[in-house]
Amino acid sequence: MSFQLPTSQKLGGFENALRLVTARFGLGPVNIVETGTIRVGADLHSDGGSTRYWKIWSENTGSQVWTVDIDEKNISACKSIIGAGAGINYVIEDSKSFLANFDKKIHLLFLDAMDCQPPIEDTWNHQLQEVKNAIPKLADGAIILIDDYNGIDRIVESKSMYSHPYLLENGFKIIYEGDHQIIFSKQGE
């Protein structure tokens, strides 16, 4: 890469996802969709801090980023932290319906909506529906990066309790696990 991305405690997941994107699509424009947005703080260690990462990527590659959050306060906070940018699209909408109606191909999907709070089944079901709605929109070779993954031995504490097996059953494979993140891609891609 000819530009510097910020460092993060979750660098492994972000960096691996963007390396895969670069290997598959080059440094040209891609579409990145992020569910859940930055809410507090201005660094990558804050909730939703990945939005800063995607913005730098979009500014240097001509890519488009959609950061989607159902809470207007979160999008407002994100706008004040991240600022305007030609490649940043702020969306106040439920991520499930946004993904169902999205009319472009997604090259990188970052799932980080809903915190794991009781009833946790709501979080599991939410992410499963996001995955189901997004799959038809994925570009060939697309990457799915999921946050708040605690490993297979602690999957019940992860947002991906239902989406993890669903993706595996539907031809996706695990490309990376670490830093509380997991990356999936379609088998053979």
N, C-alpha and C. Protein backbone atom coordinates (compact mmCIF):
# COMPACT_ATOMS: atom_id res chain seq x y z
N MET A 1 0.84 -1.18 0.00
CA MET A 1 0.00 0.00 0.00
C MET A 1 0.88 1.24 0.00
N SER A 2 0.45 2.24 -0.71
CA SER A 2 1.25 3.46 -0.81
C SER A 2 0.80 4.53 0.19
N PHE A 3 -0.03 4.19 1.13
CA PHE A 3 -0.50 5.13 2.15
C PHE A 3 -0.49 4.43 3.49
N GLN A 4 -0.50 5.22 4.54
CA GLN A 4 -0.37 4.69 5.90
C GLN A 4 -1.74 4.61 6.57
N LEU A 5 -2.11 3.41 6.98
CA LEU A 5 -3.33 3.22 7.76
C LEU A 5 -2.99 3.34 9.23
N PRO A 6 -3.93 3.78 10.07
CA PRO A 6 -3.65 3.88 11.50
C PRO A 6 -3.46 2.51 12.12
N THR A 7 -2.82 2.49 13.27
CA THR A 7 -2.64 1.22 13.98
C THR A 7 -3.83 0.98 14.90
N SER A 8 -4.04 -0.28 15.23
CA SER A 8 -5.18 -0.65 16.05
C SER A 8 -4.87 -1.94 16.79
N GLN A 9 -5.53 -2.12 17.94
CA GLN A 9 -5.39 -3.39 18.64
C GLN A 9 -6.01 -4.50 17.80
N LYS A 10 -6.90 -4.15 16.89
CA LYS A 10 -7.54 -5.13 16.01
C LYS A 10 -6.93 -5.08 14.62
N LEU A 11 -5.70 -4.64 14.53
CA LEU A 11 -5.06 -4.46 13.24
C LEU A 11 -5.08 -5.73 12.42
N GLY A 12 -4.91 -6.87 13.06
CA GLY A 12 -4.87 -8.12 12.32
C GLY A 12 -6.09 -8.34 11.45
N GLY A 13 -7.27 -8.17 12.00
CA GLY A 13 -8.50 -8.36 11.22
C GLY A 13 -8.65 -7.32 10.13
N PHE A 14 -8.47 -6.05 10.49
CA PHE A 14 -8.59 -4.97 9.50
C PHE A 14 -7.54 -5.12 8.41
N GLU A 15 -6.30 -5.31 8.84
CA GLU A 15 -5.20 -5.40 7.87
C GLU A 15 -5.37 -6.61 6.96
N ASN A 16 -5.74 -7.75 7.52
CA ASN A 16 -5.95 -8.94 6.68
C ASN A 16 -7.11 -8.75 5.71
N ALA A 17 -8.17 -8.12 6.17
CA ALA A 17 -9.31 -7.86 5.28
C ALA A 17 -8.89 -6.96 4.12
N LEU A 18 -8.16 -5.89 4.42
CA LEU A 18 -7.75 -4.98 3.36
C LEU A 18 -6.67 -5.58 2.46
N ARG A 19 -5.83 -6.44 2.99
CA ARG A 19 -4.87 -7.16 2.14
C ARG A 19 -5.61 -8.08 1.16
N LEU A 20 -6.64 -8.76 1.66
CA LEU A 20 -7.44 -9.61 0.78
C LEU A 20 -8.16 -8.79 -0.28
N VAL A 21 -8.71 -7.66 0.13
CA VAL A 21 -9.38 -6.77 -0.82
C VAL A 21 -8.40 -6.32 -1.89
N THR A 22 -7.19 -5.93 -1.47
CA THR A 22 -6.16 -5.49 -2.42
C THR A 22 -5.77 -6.62 -3.36
N ALA A 23 -5.58 -7.82 -2.82
CA ALA A 23 -5.19 -8.96 -3.65
C ALA A 23 -6.28 -9.31 -4.66
N ARG A 24 -7.52 -9.16 -4.27
CA ARG A 24 -8.63 -9.57 -5.13
C ARG A 24 -9.12 -8.47 -6.06
N PHE A 25 -9.05 -7.21 -5.60
CA PHE A 25 -9.65 -6.11 -6.37
C PHE A 25 -8.66 -5.00 -6.69
N GLY A 26 -7.41 -5.11 -6.21
CA GLY A 26 -6.43 -4.06 -6.43
C GLY A 26 -6.71 -2.86 -5.54
N LEU A 27 -6.05 -1.76 -5.83
CA LEU A 27 -6.25 -0.53 -5.05
C LEU A 27 -7.27 0.39 -5.70
N GLY A 28 -8.03 -0.15 -6.61
CA GLY A 28 -9.08 0.64 -7.24
C GLY A 28 -10.31 0.72 -6.35
N PRO A 29 -11.31 1.41 -6.81
CA PRO A 29 -12.51 1.60 -6.00
C PRO A 29 -13.24 0.30 -5.69
N VAL A 30 -13.62 0.15 -4.42
CA VAL A 30 -14.47 -0.94 -3.97
C VAL A 30 -15.58 -0.36 -3.11
N ASN A 31 -16.57 -1.16 -2.83
CA ASN A 31 -17.67 -0.76 -1.95
C ASN A 31 -17.53 -1.47 -0.61
N ILE A 32 -17.47 -0.68 0.45
CA ILE A 32 -17.36 -1.18 1.81
C ILE A 32 -18.64 -0.82 2.56
N VAL A 33 -19.25 -1.81 3.17
CA VAL A 33 -20.43 -1.56 4.00
C VAL A 33 -20.09 -1.96 5.42
N GLU A 34 -20.34 -1.04 6.34
CA GLU A 34 -20.09 -1.26 7.77
C GLU A 34 -21.42 -1.12 8.50
N THR A 35 -21.78 -2.15 9.28
CA THR A 35 -22.98 -2.04 10.10
C THR A 35 -22.54 -1.75 11.53
N GLY A 36 -23.10 -0.70 12.10
CA GLY A 36 -22.63 -0.17 13.38
C GLY A 36 -21.56 0.86 13.05
N THR A 37 -21.59 1.98 13.72
CA THR A 37 -20.65 3.06 13.39
C THR A 37 -19.92 3.54 14.63
N ILE A 38 -18.92 4.38 14.44
CA ILE A 38 -18.19 4.94 15.58
C ILE A 38 -19.17 5.74 16.43
N ARG A 39 -19.09 5.55 17.73
CA ARG A 39 -20.05 6.23 18.62
C ARG A 39 -19.38 7.14 19.63
N VAL A 40 -18.23 6.74 20.10
CA VAL A 40 -17.53 7.54 21.11
C VAL A 40 -16.04 7.52 20.79
N GLY A 41 -15.35 8.54 21.20
CA GLY A 41 -13.91 8.58 21.01
C GLY A 41 -13.53 8.79 19.56
N ALA A 42 -12.27 8.99 19.35
CA ALA A 42 -11.82 9.27 17.99
C ALA A 42 -10.70 8.33 17.58
N ASP A 43 -10.56 7.19 18.26
CA ASP A 43 -9.50 6.28 17.85
C ASP A 43 -10.07 4.90 17.54
N LEU A 44 -9.21 4.04 17.06
CA LEU A 44 -9.64 2.72 16.64
C LEU A 44 -9.98 1.80 17.80
N HIS A 45 -9.69 2.22 19.02
CA HIS A 45 -10.00 1.39 20.16
C HIS A 45 -11.40 1.69 20.71
N SER A 46 -12.05 2.70 20.14
CA SER A 46 -13.40 3.04 20.60
C SER A 46 -14.43 2.22 19.84
N ASP A 47 -15.65 2.23 20.39
CA ASP A 47 -16.74 1.51 19.74
C ASP A 47 -16.92 2.04 18.32
N GLY A 48 -16.85 1.14 17.35
CA GLY A 48 -17.04 1.54 15.97
C GLY A 48 -15.86 2.28 15.38
N GLY A 49 -14.69 2.20 16.00
CA GLY A 49 -13.53 2.95 15.54
C GLY A 49 -13.06 2.59 14.14
N SER A 50 -13.55 1.50 13.61
CA SER A 50 -13.15 1.07 12.26
C SER A 50 -13.54 2.08 11.19
N THR A 51 -14.53 2.91 11.44
CA THR A 51 -14.97 3.88 10.44
C THR A 51 -13.81 4.76 10.00
N ARG A 52 -12.92 5.11 10.93
CA ARG A 52 -11.73 5.90 10.56
C ARG A 52 -10.87 5.13 9.57
N TYR A 53 -10.74 3.84 9.78
CA TYR A 53 -9.95 2.98 8.90
C TYR A 53 -10.51 3.00 7.48
N TRP A 54 -11.82 2.79 7.37
CA TRP A 54 -12.46 2.74 6.06
C TRP A 54 -12.37 4.09 5.36
N LYS A 55 -12.47 5.19 6.12
CA LYS A 55 -12.39 6.51 5.50
C LYS A 55 -11.01 6.72 4.87
N ILE A 56 -9.96 6.38 5.57
CA ILE A 56 -8.61 6.54 5.01
C ILE A 56 -8.47 5.68 3.75
N TRP A 57 -8.99 4.46 3.81
CA TRP A 57 -8.96 3.57 2.65
C TRP A 57 -9.69 4.22 1.47
N SER A 58 -10.88 4.73 1.72
CA SER A 58 -11.68 5.31 0.63
C SER A 58 -11.01 6.54 0.04
N GLU A 59 -10.41 7.37 0.88
CA GLU A 59 -9.76 8.59 0.39
C GLU A 59 -8.56 8.27 -0.51
N ASN A 60 -7.93 7.13 -0.30
CA ASN A 60 -6.74 6.78 -1.06
C ASN A 60 -6.99 5.83 -2.22
N THR A 61 -8.21 5.31 -2.33
CA THR A 61 -8.51 4.36 -3.40
C THR A 61 -9.72 4.75 -4.24
N GLY A 62 -10.40 5.81 -3.84
CA GLY A 62 -11.63 6.19 -4.56
C GLY A 62 -12.80 5.29 -4.22
N SER A 63 -12.68 4.53 -3.15
CA SER A 63 -13.73 3.61 -2.74
C SER A 63 -14.89 4.36 -2.08
N GLN A 64 -16.00 3.66 -1.94
CA GLN A 64 -17.17 4.19 -1.26
C GLN A 64 -17.41 3.38 0.01
N VAL A 65 -17.74 4.07 1.09
CA VAL A 65 -18.03 3.44 2.38
C VAL A 65 -19.44 3.86 2.80
N TRP A 66 -20.21 2.88 3.19
CA TRP A 66 -21.52 3.14 3.80
C TRP A 66 -21.41 2.69 5.25
N THR A 67 -21.55 3.64 6.18
CA THR A 67 -21.58 3.30 7.59
C THR A 67 -23.02 3.44 8.04
N VAL A 68 -23.58 2.34 8.51
CA VAL A 68 -25.02 2.22 8.77
C VAL A 68 -25.26 2.00 10.25
N ASP A 69 -26.13 2.82 10.81
CA ASP A 69 -26.51 2.67 12.22
C ASP A 69 -27.96 3.09 12.37
N ILE A 70 -28.70 2.39 13.18
CA ILE A 70 -30.11 2.70 13.38
C ILE A 70 -30.33 3.93 14.26
N ASP A 71 -29.31 4.28 15.04
CA ASP A 71 -29.43 5.37 16.00
C ASP A 71 -28.89 6.68 15.41
N GLU A 72 -29.74 7.66 15.28
CA GLU A 72 -29.35 8.96 14.72
C GLU A 72 -28.23 9.60 15.53
N LYS A 73 -28.24 9.41 16.86
CA LYS A 73 -27.18 9.97 17.71
C LYS A 73 -25.82 9.37 17.35
N ASN A 74 -25.79 8.08 17.04
CA ASN A 74 -24.53 7.44 16.66
C ASN A 74 -24.01 7.98 15.34
N ILE A 75 -24.89 8.14 14.37
CA ILE A 75 -24.47 8.69 13.07
C ILE A 75 -24.01 10.14 13.24
N SER A 76 -24.70 10.90 14.06
CA SER A 76 -24.30 12.28 14.33
C SER A 76 -22.91 12.33 14.97
N ALA A 77 -22.69 11.44 15.94
CA ALA A 77 -21.37 11.37 16.59
C ALA A 77 -20.30 10.98 15.57
N CYS A 78 -20.62 10.03 14.72
CA CYS A 78 -19.68 9.59 13.69
C CYS A 78 -19.32 10.74 12.76
N LYS A 79 -20.31 11.50 12.33
CA LYS A 79 -20.06 12.64 11.43
C LYS A 79 -19.14 13.65 12.09
N SER A 80 -19.34 13.91 13.38
CA SER A 80 -18.51 14.90 14.06
C SER A 80 -17.09 14.38 14.28
N ILE A 81 -16.92 13.08 14.45
CA ILE A 81 -15.59 12.50 14.66
C ILE A 81 -14.87 12.30 13.33
N ILE A 82 -15.55 11.74 12.35
CA ILE A 82 -14.94 11.37 11.07
C ILE A 82 -14.92 12.54 10.10
N GLY A 83 -15.98 13.32 10.10
CA GLY A 83 -16.07 14.45 9.17
C GLY A 83 -16.55 14.01 7.80
N ALA A 84 -16.67 14.98 6.94
CA ALA A 84 -17.13 14.73 5.58
C ALA A 84 -16.02 14.09 4.77
N GLY A 85 -16.40 13.43 3.75
CA GLY A 85 -15.45 12.83 2.83
C GLY A 85 -16.19 12.38 1.60
N ALA A 86 -15.52 12.48 0.47
CA ALA A 86 -16.17 12.12 -0.79
C ALA A 86 -16.63 10.67 -0.80
N GLY A 87 -15.93 9.80 -0.07
CA GLY A 87 -16.26 8.39 -0.10
C GLY A 87 -17.08 7.88 1.06
N ILE A 88 -17.49 8.77 1.97
CA ILE A 88 -18.22 8.33 3.16
C ILE A 88 -19.71 8.63 3.00
N ASN A 89 -20.52 7.61 3.22
CA ASN A 89 -21.98 7.75 3.16
C ASN A 89 -22.53 7.36 4.53
N TYR A 90 -23.18 8.29 5.20
CA TYR A 90 -23.76 8.06 6.51
C TYR A 90 -25.22 7.67 6.35
N VAL A 91 -25.61 6.56 6.95
CA VAL A 91 -26.96 6.04 6.76
C VAL A 91 -27.59 5.75 8.11
N ILE A 92 -28.74 6.38 8.37
CA ILE A 92 -29.53 6.09 9.57
C ILE A 92 -30.62 5.12 9.15
N GLU A 93 -30.42 3.86 9.47
CA GLU A 93 -31.38 2.83 9.07
C GLU A 93 -31.02 1.53 9.78
N ASP A 94 -31.99 0.68 9.95
CA ASP A 94 -31.70 -0.65 10.46
C ASP A 94 -30.84 -1.37 9.42
N SER A 95 -29.74 -1.95 9.85
CA SER A 95 -28.79 -2.56 8.91
C SER A 95 -29.40 -3.72 8.13
N LYS A 96 -30.34 -4.42 8.72
CA LYS A 96 -30.97 -5.53 8.01
C LYS A 96 -31.73 -5.02 6.78
N SER A 97 -32.51 -3.97 6.95
CA SER A 97 -33.26 -3.44 5.80
C SER A 97 -32.33 -2.74 4.81
N PHE A 98 -31.29 -2.07 5.31
CA PHE A 98 -30.34 -1.43 4.41
C PHE A 98 -29.71 -2.48 3.49
N LEU A 99 -29.25 -3.58 4.07
CA LEU A 99 -28.61 -4.62 3.26
C LEU A 99 -29.61 -5.28 2.31
N ALA A 100 -30.83 -5.44 2.73
CA ALA A 100 -31.85 -6.04 1.86
C ALA A 100 -32.10 -5.17 0.63
N ASN A 101 -31.99 -3.85 0.78
CA ASN A 101 -32.31 -2.93 -0.31
C ASN A 101 -31.09 -2.34 -1.01
N PHE A 102 -29.89 -2.70 -0.59
CA PHE A 102 -28.67 -2.15 -1.18
C PHE A 102 -28.59 -2.57 -2.64
N ASP A 103 -28.26 -1.62 -3.52
CA ASP A 103 -28.31 -1.91 -4.96
C ASP A 103 -26.94 -1.93 -5.64
N LYS A 104 -25.88 -2.11 -4.86
CA LYS A 104 -24.53 -2.20 -5.42
C LYS A 104 -23.88 -3.49 -4.94
N LYS A 105 -22.79 -3.85 -5.58
CA LYS A 105 -22.03 -5.02 -5.13
C LYS A 105 -21.15 -4.62 -3.95
N ILE A 106 -21.06 -5.47 -2.95
CA ILE A 106 -20.26 -5.23 -1.75
C ILE A 106 -18.97 -6.05 -1.88
N HIS A 107 -17.84 -5.36 -1.72
CA HIS A 107 -16.54 -6.02 -1.78
C HIS A 107 -16.04 -6.38 -0.38
N LEU A 108 -16.33 -5.52 0.59
CA LEU A 108 -15.96 -5.76 1.98
C LEU A 108 -17.16 -5.42 2.85
N LEU A 109 -17.62 -6.40 3.61
CA LEU A 109 -18.74 -6.23 4.53
C LEU A 109 -18.19 -6.37 5.94
N PHE A 110 -18.34 -5.33 6.74
CA PHE A 110 -17.89 -5.37 8.13
C PHE A 110 -19.11 -5.34 9.03
N LEU A 111 -19.33 -6.42 9.76
CA LEU A 111 -20.51 -6.55 10.62
C LEU A 111 -20.15 -6.27 12.07
N ASP A 112 -20.72 -5.18 12.59
CA ASP A 112 -20.44 -4.78 13.98
C ASP A 112 -21.66 -4.09 14.60
N ALA A 113 -22.86 -4.44 14.13
CA ALA A 113 -24.07 -3.85 14.70
C ALA A 113 -24.47 -4.60 15.96
N MET A 114 -25.14 -3.94 16.83
CA MET A 114 -25.70 -4.47 18.08
C MET A 114 -24.62 -5.02 19.00
N ASP A 115 -24.67 -4.59 20.22
CA ASP A 115 -23.77 -5.13 21.24
C ASP A 115 -24.38 -6.41 21.79
N CYS A 116 -23.54 -7.25 22.33
CA CYS A 116 -23.98 -8.53 22.90
C CYS A 116 -24.57 -8.30 24.30
N GLN A 117 -25.81 -7.88 24.33
CA GLN A 117 -26.49 -7.65 25.60
C GLN A 117 -27.76 -8.48 25.63
N PRO A 118 -28.22 -8.82 26.82
CA PRO A 118 -29.43 -9.63 26.91
C PRO A 118 -30.63 -8.93 26.27
N PRO A 119 -31.51 -9.64 25.63
CA PRO A 119 -31.36 -11.06 25.31
C PRO A 119 -30.40 -11.23 24.13
N ILE A 120 -29.34 -11.98 24.33
CA ILE A 120 -28.28 -12.12 23.33
C ILE A 120 -28.80 -12.77 22.04
N GLU A 121 -29.89 -13.52 22.14
CA GLU A 121 -30.47 -14.12 20.94
C GLU A 121 -30.85 -13.06 19.92
N ASP A 122 -31.23 -11.86 20.39
CA ASP A 122 -31.56 -10.77 19.46
C ASP A 122 -30.34 -10.38 18.63
N THR A 123 -29.18 -10.34 19.27
CA THR A 123 -27.94 -10.01 18.57
C THR A 123 -27.61 -11.10 17.56
N TRP A 124 -27.71 -12.35 17.97
CA TRP A 124 -27.42 -13.47 17.07
C TRP A 124 -28.34 -13.45 15.85
N ASN A 125 -29.65 -13.25 16.10
CA ASN A 125 -30.62 -13.22 15.01
C ASN A 125 -30.41 -12.02 14.09
N HIS A 126 -30.05 -10.88 14.69
CA HIS A 126 -29.82 -9.67 13.90
C HIS A 126 -28.69 -9.91 12.89
N GLN A 127 -27.55 -10.43 13.39
CA GLN A 127 -26.43 -10.63 12.48
C GLN A 127 -26.73 -11.71 11.44
N LEU A 128 -27.44 -12.75 11.83
CA LEU A 128 -27.82 -13.78 10.85
C LEU A 128 -28.64 -13.16 9.72
N GLN A 129 -29.58 -12.30 10.06
CA GLN A 129 -30.40 -11.68 9.02
C GLN A 129 -29.58 -10.72 8.17
N GLU A 130 -28.62 -10.01 8.78
CA GLU A 130 -27.71 -9.17 7.99
C GLU A 130 -26.99 -10.02 6.94
N VAL A 131 -26.46 -11.16 7.38
CA VAL A 131 -25.73 -12.05 6.47
C VAL A 131 -26.64 -12.54 5.35
N LYS A 132 -27.82 -13.00 5.71
CA LYS A 132 -28.75 -13.50 4.68
C LYS A 132 -29.10 -12.42 3.67
N ASN A 133 -29.30 -11.20 4.14
CA ASN A 133 -29.64 -10.09 3.24
C ASN A 133 -28.46 -9.65 2.38
N ALA A 134 -27.25 -9.81 2.90
CA ALA A 134 -26.05 -9.32 2.19
C ALA A 134 -25.53 -10.31 1.16
N ILE A 135 -25.69 -11.58 1.38
CA ILE A 135 -25.07 -12.57 0.49
C ILE A 135 -25.39 -12.32 -0.99
N PRO A 136 -26.63 -12.04 -1.36
CA PRO A 136 -26.89 -11.81 -2.79
C PRO A 136 -26.22 -10.53 -3.34
N LYS A 137 -25.78 -9.65 -2.45
CA LYS A 137 -25.18 -8.38 -2.86
C LYS A 137 -23.65 -8.46 -2.94
N LEU A 138 -23.06 -9.57 -2.51
CA LEU A 138 -21.61 -9.68 -2.44
C LEU A 138 -21.00 -9.84 -3.83
N ALA A 139 -19.93 -9.09 -4.08
CA ALA A 139 -19.16 -9.25 -5.30
C ALA A 139 -18.43 -10.59 -5.25
N ASP A 140 -18.08 -11.14 -6.40
CA ASP A 140 -17.26 -12.34 -6.42
C ASP A 140 -15.96 -12.05 -5.69
N GLY A 141 -15.60 -12.90 -4.75
CA GLY A 141 -14.37 -12.70 -3.98
C GLY A 141 -14.53 -11.79 -2.78
N ALA A 142 -15.75 -11.40 -2.45
CA ALA A 142 -15.99 -10.47 -1.34
C ALA A 142 -15.52 -11.04 -0.01
N ILE A 143 -15.22 -10.14 0.89
CA ILE A 143 -14.74 -10.46 2.23
C ILE A 143 -15.83 -10.06 3.23
N ILE A 144 -16.09 -10.94 4.21
CA ILE A 144 -16.97 -10.61 5.33
C ILE A 144 -16.11 -10.61 6.58
N LEU A 145 -15.99 -9.46 7.21
CA LEU A 145 -15.24 -9.31 8.46
C LEU A 145 -16.25 -9.12 9.57
N ILE A 146 -16.19 -9.98 10.59
CA ILE A 146 -17.14 -9.92 11.71
C ILE A 146 -16.37 -9.56 12.97
N ASP A 147 -16.87 -8.56 13.69
CA ASP A 147 -16.25 -8.12 14.94
C ASP A 147 -16.88 -8.86 16.12
N ASP A 148 -16.22 -8.73 17.27
CA ASP A 148 -16.69 -9.31 18.53
C ASP A 148 -16.86 -10.83 18.43
N TYR A 149 -15.86 -11.45 17.83
CA TYR A 149 -15.80 -12.91 17.74
C TYR A 149 -14.85 -13.40 18.82
N ASN A 150 -15.34 -14.29 19.67
CA ASN A 150 -14.56 -14.74 20.82
C ASN A 150 -13.99 -16.14 20.66
N GLY A 151 -13.95 -16.64 19.45
CA GLY A 151 -13.43 -17.98 19.21
C GLY A 151 -14.52 -19.02 19.28
N ILE A 152 -14.29 -20.13 18.63
CA ILE A 152 -15.31 -21.17 18.55
C ILE A 152 -15.65 -21.74 19.93
N ASP A 153 -14.68 -21.76 20.84
CA ASP A 153 -14.95 -22.30 22.18
C ASP A 153 -15.79 -21.35 23.02
N ARG A 154 -15.91 -20.09 22.59
CA ARG A 154 -16.75 -19.11 23.31
C ARG A 154 -17.74 -18.45 22.35
N ILE A 155 -18.19 -19.21 21.35
CA ILE A 155 -19.07 -18.67 20.31
C ILE A 155 -20.37 -18.11 20.89
N VAL A 156 -20.85 -18.68 22.01
CA VAL A 156 -22.10 -18.18 22.59
C VAL A 156 -21.96 -16.76 23.11
N GLU A 157 -20.73 -16.28 23.28
CA GLU A 157 -20.49 -14.90 23.70
C GLU A 157 -20.24 -13.99 22.50
N SER A 158 -20.30 -14.54 21.31
CA SER A 158 -19.99 -13.79 20.09
C SER A 158 -21.27 -13.39 19.37
N LYS A 159 -21.18 -12.31 18.60
CA LYS A 159 -22.32 -11.89 17.79
C LYS A 159 -22.64 -12.91 16.70
N SER A 160 -21.66 -13.72 16.35
CA SER A 160 -21.79 -14.62 15.20
C SER A 160 -22.26 -16.03 15.55
N MET A 161 -22.92 -16.19 16.67
CA MET A 161 -23.38 -17.52 17.10
C MET A 161 -24.19 -18.22 16.00
N TYR A 162 -25.07 -17.49 15.31
CA TYR A 162 -25.89 -18.08 14.26
C TYR A 162 -25.30 -17.87 12.88
N SER A 163 -24.66 -16.73 12.64
CA SER A 163 -24.13 -16.43 11.30
C SER A 163 -22.91 -17.29 10.98
N HIS A 164 -22.10 -17.61 11.97
CA HIS A 164 -20.89 -18.43 11.76
C HIS A 164 -21.24 -19.77 11.10
N PRO A 165 -22.12 -20.59 11.71
CA PRO A 165 -22.45 -21.86 11.06
C PRO A 165 -23.21 -21.66 9.75
N TYR A 166 -24.03 -20.62 9.67
CA TYR A 166 -24.78 -20.36 8.43
C TYR A 166 -23.83 -20.11 7.27
N LEU A 167 -22.81 -19.29 7.50
CA LEU A 167 -21.84 -19.01 6.44
C LEU A 167 -21.10 -20.28 6.02
N LEU A 168 -20.66 -21.08 6.99
CA LEU A 168 -19.96 -22.32 6.66
C LEU A 168 -20.86 -23.28 5.87
N GLU A 169 -22.14 -23.36 6.25
CA GLU A 169 -23.09 -24.23 5.57
C GLU A 169 -23.41 -23.74 4.15
N ASN A 170 -23.13 -22.48 3.87
CA ASN A 170 -23.46 -21.90 2.58
C ASN A 170 -22.23 -21.58 1.72
N GLY A 171 -21.18 -22.37 1.91
CA GLY A 171 -20.05 -22.31 1.01
C GLY A 171 -18.97 -21.30 1.34
N PHE A 172 -19.04 -20.67 2.50
CA PHE A 172 -17.99 -19.73 2.90
C PHE A 172 -16.95 -20.47 3.73
N LYS A 173 -15.74 -19.96 3.72
CA LYS A 173 -14.69 -20.55 4.55
C LYS A 173 -14.06 -19.46 5.40
N ILE A 174 -13.46 -19.88 6.48
CA ILE A 174 -12.77 -18.96 7.38
C ILE A 174 -11.39 -18.68 6.81
N ILE A 175 -11.07 -17.40 6.65
CA ILE A 175 -9.78 -16.98 6.13
C ILE A 175 -8.86 -16.54 7.27
N TYR A 176 -9.45 -16.00 8.33
CA TYR A 176 -8.67 -15.44 9.42
C TYR A 176 -9.49 -15.46 10.71
N GLU A 177 -8.83 -15.77 11.82
CA GLU A 177 -9.42 -15.65 13.16
C GLU A 177 -8.37 -15.02 14.07
N GLY A 178 -8.74 -13.98 14.76
CA GLY A 178 -7.84 -13.35 15.72
C GLY A 178 -8.29 -11.95 16.06
N ASP A 179 -7.74 -11.40 17.12
CA ASP A 179 -8.04 -10.03 17.52
C ASP A 179 -9.55 -9.81 17.70
N HIS A 180 -10.27 -10.84 18.14
CA HIS A 180 -11.72 -10.79 18.34
C HIS A 180 -12.46 -10.52 17.03
N GLN A 181 -11.87 -10.99 15.93
CA GLN A 181 -12.50 -10.84 14.62
C GLN A 181 -12.34 -12.14 13.84
N ILE A 182 -13.21 -12.31 12.87
CA ILE A 182 -13.15 -13.47 11.97
C ILE A 182 -13.48 -12.99 10.56
N ILE A 183 -12.77 -13.55 9.58
CA ILE A 183 -12.99 -13.20 8.18
C ILE A 183 -13.47 -14.43 7.44
N PHE A 184 -14.55 -14.25 6.68
CA PHE A 184 -15.09 -15.30 5.83
C PHE A 184 -14.99 -14.86 4.37
N SER A 185 -14.87 -15.84 3.49
CA SER A 185 -14.95 -15.61 2.05
C SER A 185 -15.54 -16.86 1.43
N LYS A 186 -16.11 -16.70 0.25
CA LYS A 186 -16.73 -17.84 -0.43
C LYS A 186 -15.65 -18.85 -0.77
N GLN A 187 -15.93 -20.13 -0.59
CA GLN A 187 -14.95 -21.18 -0.90
C GLN A 187 -14.57 -21.09 -2.37
N GLY A 188 -13.29 -21.31 -2.64
CA GLY A 188 -12.78 -21.26 -4.00
C GLY A 188 -12.45 -19.86 -4.46
N GLU A 189 -12.67 -18.87 -3.62
CA GLU A 189 -12.36 -17.48 -4.00
C GLU A 189 -11.19 -16.98 -3.20
